[in-house]
């Protein structure tokens, strides 16, 4: 049974909540619970049991695939308030590629049992529509990520990531390593290090250990 805080989150982010019968609301409430992950934790791979539907309370989760040469290609990231239907391994296992999920930061999530959630979507057209829309949005993000890796230059992907990350944290100082950036833009760490040096030499950024400061947003935007 969820606590009052989690109940409010459910009511806020499950936009079909008011369309549910009291019995259906009870099913979700009785089949949801909090899980806590530390930064760097691998929370899902093909060998692990079903996660369920995730509602991100705090932190960041990263969904990615591995290339044949072992390079990680980020498909999308999940932030506070995001809900992910595709996190249910029952769905991920039906894909023709192996998907992984890890915690980019210390993260708290509310997990709704997929069997219980599936029962509701079969009974309620509003819940079904919500699920389909959420899945389509995630697939759209996956397709965009793959197109970026295939057709966009590393410079563009790197500049875009730095600008988006600065906007997300609300600061031009970003705490992140070269390895983390490489995983998020689908490149090799050595390539990221080389491109960051180019950006540094052009006066676009400053670098310190585990930290990057954006000096010239307009200059980075030119790569977009």
Protein backbone atom coordinates (compact mmCIF):
# COMPACT_ATOMS: atom_id res chain seq x y z
CA UNK A 1 0.00 0.00 0.00
CA UNK A 2 1.41 3.39 -0.97
CA UNK A 3 1.90 6.26 1.46
CA UNK A 4 0.26 9.68 1.12
CA UNK A 5 3.16 11.20 -0.83
CA UNK A 6 3.20 8.38 -3.35
CA UNK A 7 -0.57 8.48 -3.61
CA UNK A 8 -0.39 12.13 -4.64
CA UNK A 9 2.24 11.30 -7.26
CA UNK A 10 0.06 8.56 -8.69
CA UNK A 11 -2.95 10.86 -8.87
CA UNK A 12 -0.86 13.60 -10.49
CA UNK A 13 0.97 11.60 -13.16
CA UNK A 14 -1.52 8.85 -14.00
CA UNK A 15 -3.77 11.21 -15.89
CA UNK A 16 -6.52 8.60 -16.19
CA UNK A 17 -6.84 8.26 -12.39
CA UNK A 18 -10.19 10.05 -12.18
CA UNK A 19 -11.58 7.69 -14.82
CA UNK A 20 -10.94 4.59 -12.69
CA UNK A 21 -13.41 2.74 -10.53
CA UNK A 22 -12.62 2.60 -6.81
CA UNK A 23 -11.78 -1.10 -7.17
CA UNK A 24 -9.28 -0.34 -9.93
CA UNK A 25 -7.66 2.42 -7.88
CA UNK A 26 -7.22 -0.03 -5.02
CA UNK A 27 -5.51 -2.54 -7.33
CA UNK A 28 -2.88 0.04 -8.31
CA UNK A 29 -2.41 1.29 -4.74
CA UNK A 30 -1.94 -2.24 -3.42
CA UNK A 31 0.56 -3.15 -6.14
CA UNK A 32 2.90 -0.16 -6.01
CA UNK A 33 6.00 0.42 -3.92
CA UNK A 34 9.16 2.49 -3.72
CA UNK A 35 12.58 1.29 -4.81
CA UNK A 36 15.86 3.12 -4.27
CA UNK A 37 18.90 2.81 -6.55
CA UNK A 38 22.39 4.19 -6.07
CA UNK A 39 24.29 6.01 -8.81
CA UNK A 40 25.79 3.48 -11.21
CA UNK A 41 23.44 0.64 -10.26
CA UNK A 42 22.34 -1.61 -13.09
CA UNK A 43 18.63 -1.99 -12.44
CA UNK A 44 17.60 -3.96 -15.48
CA UNK A 45 19.05 -6.30 -18.10
CA UNK A 46 17.60 -9.25 -19.96
CA UNK A 47 18.66 -11.62 -17.16
CA UNK A 48 16.65 -9.81 -14.47
CA UNK A 49 13.03 -10.18 -13.48
CA UNK A 50 10.23 -7.86 -14.55
CA UNK A 51 10.60 -4.31 -13.28
CA UNK A 52 7.08 -3.06 -13.81
CA UNK A 53 5.89 0.42 -14.67
CA UNK A 54 8.24 3.11 -13.34
CA UNK A 55 7.34 6.54 -12.01
CA UNK A 56 10.51 8.53 -11.31
CA UNK A 57 10.38 10.32 -7.94
CA UNK A 58 13.94 11.72 -7.96
CA UNK A 59 17.21 11.16 -9.79
CA UNK A 60 17.82 10.01 -13.37
CA UNK A 61 17.60 6.62 -15.07
CA UNK A 62 19.26 5.86 -18.40
CA UNK A 63 17.91 3.33 -20.88
CA UNK A 64 20.53 2.07 -23.33
CA UNK A 65 21.66 -0.72 -25.65
CA UNK A 66 25.12 -2.14 -26.27
CA UNK A 67 26.68 -2.07 -29.72
CA UNK A 68 28.60 -5.07 -31.06
CA UNK A 69 31.88 -3.43 -30.04
CA UNK A 70 30.62 -2.87 -26.48
CA UNK A 71 29.76 0.81 -26.89
CA UNK A 72 26.72 2.03 -24.97
CA UNK A 73 24.07 3.88 -26.98
CA UNK A 74 21.60 5.82 -24.85
CA UNK A 75 18.01 5.49 -26.06
CA UNK A 76 16.43 7.91 -23.60
CA UNK A 77 16.69 9.14 -20.02
CA UNK A 78 13.98 9.33 -17.37
CA UNK A 79 13.67 12.30 -15.02
CA UNK A 80 11.47 13.13 -11.99
CA UNK A 81 7.81 12.96 -13.02
CA UNK A 82 8.47 10.68 -15.99
CA UNK A 83 6.55 7.44 -16.33
CA UNK A 84 7.89 4.55 -18.39
CA UNK A 85 5.66 1.72 -19.53
CA UNK A 86 8.48 0.20 -21.60
CA UNK A 87 10.48 -0.43 -18.41
CA UNK A 88 8.44 -3.59 -17.91
CA UNK A 89 10.77 -6.40 -18.96
CA UNK A 90 7.78 -8.32 -20.31
CA UNK A 91 7.73 -5.65 -23.03
CA UNK A 92 11.49 -5.17 -23.34
CA UNK A 93 12.05 -8.90 -23.77
CA UNK A 94 9.87 -8.85 -26.88
CA UNK A 95 12.31 -6.50 -28.63
CA UNK A 96 15.01 -7.81 -30.92
CA UNK A 97 17.81 -6.10 -29.03
CA UNK A 98 18.92 -6.24 -25.41
CA UNK A 99 17.96 -3.20 -23.39
CA UNK A 100 19.65 -2.11 -20.16
CA UNK A 101 18.60 0.43 -17.53
CA UNK A 102 21.01 2.02 -15.05
CA UNK A 103 20.90 4.85 -12.53
CA UNK A 104 22.78 7.97 -13.64
CA UNK A 105 22.19 9.46 -10.18
CA UNK A 106 20.91 8.23 -6.82
CA UNK A 107 17.31 7.55 -7.79
CA UNK A 108 13.96 6.84 -6.16
CA UNK A 109 11.20 5.28 -8.22
CA UNK A 110 7.66 4.14 -7.62
CA UNK A 111 7.17 0.73 -9.24
CA UNK A 112 3.71 -0.48 -10.24
CA UNK A 113 3.40 -4.23 -10.75
CA UNK A 114 3.00 -4.87 -14.49
CA UNK A 115 0.37 -7.60 -14.04
CA UNK A 116 -1.81 -5.29 -11.97
CA UNK A 117 -1.27 -2.39 -14.37
CA UNK A 118 -2.01 -4.63 -17.34
CA UNK A 119 -5.28 -5.73 -15.77
CA UNK A 120 -6.35 -2.08 -15.46
CA UNK A 121 -5.45 -1.24 -19.07
CA UNK A 122 -7.52 -4.18 -20.30
CA UNK A 123 -10.54 -2.98 -18.33
CA UNK A 124 -10.28 0.77 -18.77
CA UNK A 125 -10.01 2.50 -22.16
CA UNK A 126 -8.49 5.65 -20.60
CA UNK A 127 -5.71 3.63 -18.98
CA UNK A 128 -5.16 1.76 -22.24
CA UNK A 129 -4.89 5.03 -24.18
CA UNK A 130 -2.42 6.40 -21.62
CA UNK A 131 -0.25 3.29 -21.95
CA UNK A 132 -0.25 3.33 -25.74
CA UNK A 133 0.59 7.04 -25.85
CA UNK A 134 3.43 6.60 -23.35
CA UNK A 135 4.86 3.65 -25.29
CA UNK A 136 4.67 5.58 -28.57
CA UNK A 137 6.49 8.54 -27.02
CA UNK A 138 9.29 6.27 -25.81
CA UNK A 139 9.58 4.55 -29.19
CA UNK A 140 9.77 8.00 -30.79
CA UNK A 141 12.67 8.86 -28.47
CA UNK A 142 14.36 5.57 -29.37
CA UNK A 143 14.08 6.28 -33.09
CA UNK A 144 15.41 9.83 -32.61
CA UNK A 145 18.38 8.54 -30.59
CA UNK A 146 19.25 5.97 -33.24
CA UNK A 147 18.96 8.56 -36.03
CA UNK A 148 21.25 10.90 -34.08
CA UNK A 149 23.93 8.22 -33.72
CA UNK A 150 23.66 7.20 -37.37
CA UNK A 151 23.37 10.59 -39.04
CA UNK A 152 24.58 13.34 -36.70
CA UNK A 153 28.20 14.32 -36.12
CA UNK A 154 29.83 13.83 -32.73
CA UNK A 155 30.26 17.61 -32.48
CA UNK A 156 26.52 18.15 -32.83
CA UNK A 157 25.60 15.40 -30.36
CA UNK A 158 28.14 16.62 -27.82
CA UNK A 159 27.09 20.28 -28.07
CA UNK A 160 23.43 19.34 -27.83
CA UNK A 161 24.00 17.13 -24.79
CA UNK A 162 25.98 19.81 -22.93
CA UNK A 163 23.32 22.45 -23.59
CA UNK A 164 20.46 20.15 -22.59
CA UNK A 165 22.23 19.03 -19.44
CA UNK A 166 22.99 22.61 -18.40
CA UNK A 167 19.33 23.49 -18.95
CA UNK A 168 18.21 20.47 -16.91
CA UNK A 169 20.36 21.27 -13.87
CA UNK A 170 19.80 25.03 -14.22
CA UNK A 171 23.52 25.81 -14.17
CA UNK A 172 26.32 26.24 -16.71
CA UNK A 173 28.51 24.08 -14.48
CA UNK A 174 27.88 20.37 -15.15
CA UNK A 175 29.18 17.61 -12.90
CA UNK A 176 29.91 14.79 -15.33
CA UNK A 177 32.79 12.65 -16.56
CA UNK A 178 33.97 12.08 -20.12
CA UNK A 179 32.89 8.45 -19.80
CA UNK A 180 29.34 9.44 -18.79
CA UNK A 181 29.10 11.84 -21.73
CA UNK A 182 30.32 9.16 -24.14
CA UNK A 183 27.65 6.74 -22.94
CA UNK A 184 24.94 9.36 -23.33
CA UNK A 185 25.85 10.43 -26.86
CA UNK A 186 26.78 6.98 -28.17
CA UNK A 187 30.47 7.62 -28.77
CA UNK A 188 33.85 6.49 -27.45
CA UNK A 189 35.37 8.20 -24.42
CA UNK A 190 38.53 9.01 -26.39
CA UNK A 191 36.48 10.78 -29.07
CA UNK A 192 34.59 12.79 -26.43
CA UNK A 193 37.85 13.79 -24.75
CA UNK A 194 39.25 14.96 -28.10
CA UNK A 195 36.12 16.96 -28.96
CA UNK A 196 35.94 18.56 -25.52
CA UNK A 197 39.51 19.74 -26.02
CA UNK A 198 38.45 21.30 -29.33
CA UNK A 199 35.55 23.06 -27.57
CA UNK A 200 37.96 24.17 -24.83
CA UNK A 201 40.49 25.53 -27.33
CA UNK A 202 37.68 27.48 -29.02
CA UNK A 203 36.75 29.10 -25.71
CA UNK A 204 33.36 27.39 -25.54
CA UNK A 205 33.94 25.48 -22.30
CA UNK A 206 36.26 25.11 -19.33
CA UNK A 207 37.18 21.71 -17.93
CA UNK A 208 38.12 20.38 -14.51
CA UNK A 209 38.11 16.86 -13.13
CA UNK A 210 34.54 15.57 -13.31
CA UNK A 211 33.20 19.00 -14.21
CA UNK A 212 32.53 21.10 -17.31
CA UNK A 213 31.62 24.78 -17.39
CA UNK A 214 29.90 26.24 -20.45
CA UNK A 215 31.38 29.63 -21.33
CA UNK A 216 29.70 30.32 -24.67
CA UNK A 217 26.21 28.89 -25.26
CA UNK A 218 25.85 30.66 -28.61
CA UNK A 219 29.07 29.10 -29.79
CA UNK A 220 27.83 25.62 -28.90
CA UNK A 221 24.48 26.32 -30.55
CA UNK A 222 26.26 26.87 -33.88
CA UNK A 223 26.97 23.13 -33.99
CA UNK A 224 23.23 22.46 -33.91
